[in-house]
Amino acid sequence: MTCNGIEITQATIQATREWFAQNARDCIDAAQSGRIHVNDLSRYVTQQMYRRDGALAGHIDHTLTFIQRALYIQTGVSVPLL
């Protein structure tokens, strides 16, 4: 994958997938601990687990958010989306 003339490595792609998966796990932890409020905890947890699994499976690799995070992980530079 290349973006802005930068070749995103396979290691970066995997690290980015894991970042999104960890983010989903952190959201679950925050909701279960009461640090954030959600209306339907069970549904929220299910949705976040779906997000986590999708991220790890590569289902979001094509999104702008994923590419932005991958570039940041690889270069340390946050590229504006628009």
Protein backbone atom coordinates (compact mmCIF):
# COMPACT_ATOMS: atom_id res chain seq x y z
CA MET A 1 0.00 0.00 0.00
CA THR A 2 1.36 3.41 -0.96
CA CYS A 3 0.04 6.75 0.27
CA ASN A 4 1.55 10.21 -0.22
CA GLY A 5 4.55 8.53 -1.82
CA ILE A 6 5.17 6.43 1.30
CA GLU A 7 5.11 2.65 1.09
CA ILE A 8 3.18 1.37 4.10
CA THR A 9 4.92 -1.79 5.27
CA GLN A 10 3.18 -5.02 6.18
CA ALA A 11 4.46 -4.60 9.74
CA THR A 12 2.80 -1.18 9.91
CA ILE A 13 -0.45 -2.56 8.51
CA GLN A 14 -0.46 -5.24 11.20
CA ALA A 15 0.41 -2.72 13.93
CA THR A 16 -2.42 -0.48 12.73
CA ARG A 17 -4.91 -3.35 12.79
CA GLU A 18 -3.82 -4.11 16.34
CA TRP A 19 -4.14 -0.42 17.29
CA PHE A 20 -7.78 -0.38 16.14
CA ALA A 21 -8.48 -3.69 17.88
CA GLN A 22 -6.98 -2.36 21.13
CA ASN A 23 -9.03 0.82 20.76
CA ALA A 24 -12.21 -1.28 20.59
CA ARG A 25 -11.11 -3.25 23.68
CA ASP A 26 -10.41 0.03 25.51
CA CYS A 27 -13.89 1.28 24.62
CA ILE A 28 -15.39 -1.92 26.06
CA ASP A 29 -13.35 -1.55 29.25
CA ALA A 30 -14.40 2.09 29.65
CA ALA A 31 -18.08 1.21 29.25
CA GLN A 32 -17.94 -1.80 31.57
CA SER A 33 -16.12 0.16 34.27
CA GLY A 34 -18.58 3.05 34.07
CA ARG A 35 -16.00 5.62 32.89
CA ILE A 36 -18.29 6.25 29.93
CA HIS A 37 -22.04 5.80 29.73
CA VAL A 38 -23.73 3.79 26.99
CA ASN A 39 -27.45 3.17 26.75
CA ASP A 40 -27.26 -0.56 26.02
CA LEU A 41 -24.05 -2.06 27.37
CA SER A 42 -24.60 -5.52 25.93
CA ARG A 43 -25.22 -4.17 22.43
CA TYR A 44 -22.28 -1.78 22.71
CA VAL A 45 -19.91 -4.57 23.71
CA THR A 46 -21.14 -6.70 20.81
CA GLN A 47 -20.59 -3.82 18.37
CA GLN A 48 -17.10 -3.14 19.68
CA MET A 49 -16.18 -6.82 19.44
CA TYR A 50 -17.38 -6.77 15.83
CA ARG A 51 -15.20 -3.68 15.23
CA ARG A 52 -12.24 -5.42 16.85
CA ASP A 53 -12.64 -8.58 14.79
CA GLY A 54 -13.09 -6.60 11.57
CA ALA A 55 -9.99 -4.55 12.24
CA LEU A 56 -7.87 -7.64 12.88
CA ALA A 57 -9.24 -9.31 9.75
CA GLY A 58 -8.24 -6.33 7.59
CA HIS A 59 -11.77 -5.22 6.78
CA ILE A 60 -10.97 -1.55 7.42
CA ASP A 61 -7.56 -1.36 5.75
CA HIS A 62 -9.02 0.65 2.86
CA THR A 63 -10.54 3.43 4.98
CA LEU A 64 -9.09 6.91 5.25
CA THR A 65 -8.95 6.61 9.04
CA PHE A 66 -6.90 3.41 8.80
CA ILE A 67 -4.49 4.89 6.27
CA GLN A 68 -4.07 8.04 8.36
CA ARG A 69 -3.27 6.00 11.48
CA ALA A 70 -0.90 3.73 9.53
CA LEU A 71 1.02 6.73 8.23
CA TYR A 72 1.22 8.10 11.77
CA ILE A 73 2.44 4.79 13.18
CA GLN A 74 5.07 4.47 10.47
CA THR A 75 6.27 8.09 10.24
CA GLY A 76 5.11 9.89 13.37
CA VAL A 77 3.43 12.51 11.18
CA SER A 78 -0.34 13.04 11.32
CA VAL A 79 -1.59 13.62 7.77
CA PRO A 80 -4.82 15.65 7.46
CA LEU A 81 -7.69 13.68 5.95
CA LEU A 82 -9.09 16.56 3.90
